[in-house]
Amino acid sequence: MARYYRYRLPPWARYWLLVIERATLPIVIFQLVRTLFFPTTFDILLLGIFIGIFFAFYFQYI
């Protein structure tokens, strides 16, 4: 498996990757609260996607 090196990206791409990385935790928390109050299939699916993205950043897969 090829390793993804974020430092080989152009500076503008690294900046947006950092912005997305920092924004994932508040989005996950918001979506979790929304799913607890209004549980729909779409909300649960969306929460799973956001948690997956969060863990991908946390374990440095992205």
Protein backbone atom coordinates (compact mmCIF):
# COMPACT_ATOMS: atom_id res chain seq x y z
CA MET A 1 0.00 0.00 0.00
CA ALA A 2 1.40 3.36 -1.00
CA ARG A 3 1.83 5.77 1.88
CA TYR A 4 0.12 9.12 1.54
CA TYR A 5 2.49 12.02 2.23
CA ARG A 6 0.61 15.21 2.92
CA TYR A 7 3.81 17.27 2.83
CA ARG A 8 4.26 16.56 -0.88
CA LEU A 9 1.04 18.43 -1.62
CA PRO A 10 1.02 22.05 -2.72
CA PRO A 11 0.73 24.58 0.14
CA TRP A 12 -2.90 25.45 -0.67
CA ALA A 13 -3.90 21.76 -0.53
CA ARG A 14 -2.08 21.25 2.78
CA TYR A 15 -3.90 24.28 4.19
CA TRP A 16 -7.33 22.96 3.24
CA LEU A 17 -6.46 19.49 4.50
CA LEU A 18 -5.59 21.05 7.87
CA VAL A 19 -8.83 23.06 7.88
CA ILE A 20 -10.89 19.94 7.17
CA GLU A 21 -8.97 17.98 9.79
CA ARG A 22 -9.67 20.62 12.47
CA ALA A 23 -13.34 20.90 11.51
CA THR A 24 -14.18 17.18 11.69
CA LEU A 25 -14.52 16.93 15.49
CA PRO A 26 -17.12 19.74 15.82
CA ILE A 27 -19.03 18.28 12.86
CA VAL A 28 -19.01 14.81 14.45
CA ILE A 29 -20.25 16.21 17.77
CA PHE A 30 -23.01 18.21 16.07
CA GLN A 31 -24.09 15.21 14.01
CA LEU A 32 -24.09 12.98 17.09
CA VAL A 33 -26.38 15.37 18.96
CA ARG A 34 -28.64 15.69 15.92
CA THR A 35 -28.79 11.90 15.56
CA LEU A 36 -29.68 11.47 19.22
CA PHE A 37 -32.63 13.86 18.94
CA PHE A 38 -33.82 13.11 15.39
CA PRO A 39 -32.65 9.60 14.48
CA THR A 40 -33.19 8.93 10.80
CA THR A 41 -31.40 6.48 8.56
CA PHE A 42 -29.70 9.31 6.72
CA ASP A 43 -28.41 10.86 9.97
CA ILE A 44 -26.97 7.55 11.14
CA LEU A 45 -25.29 7.01 7.78
CA LEU A 46 -23.90 10.54 7.80
CA LEU A 47 -22.62 10.13 11.36
CA GLY A 48 -20.83 6.92 10.35
CA ILE A 49 -19.16 8.67 7.42
CA PHE A 50 -18.04 11.58 9.60
CA ILE A 51 -16.69 9.25 12.29
CA GLY A 52 -14.79 7.33 9.61
CA ILE A 53 -13.25 10.52 8.28
CA PHE A 54 -12.38 11.64 11.81
CA PHE A 55 -10.60 8.36 12.58
CA ALA A 56 -8.81 8.45 9.23
CA PHE A 57 -7.34 11.83 10.21
CA TYR A 58 -6.69 10.70 13.81
CA PHE A 59 -4.74 7.60 12.77
CA GLN A 60 -3.05 9.58 9.96
CA TYR A 61 -4.42 7.55 7.07
CA ILE A 62 -5.09 10.87 5.34
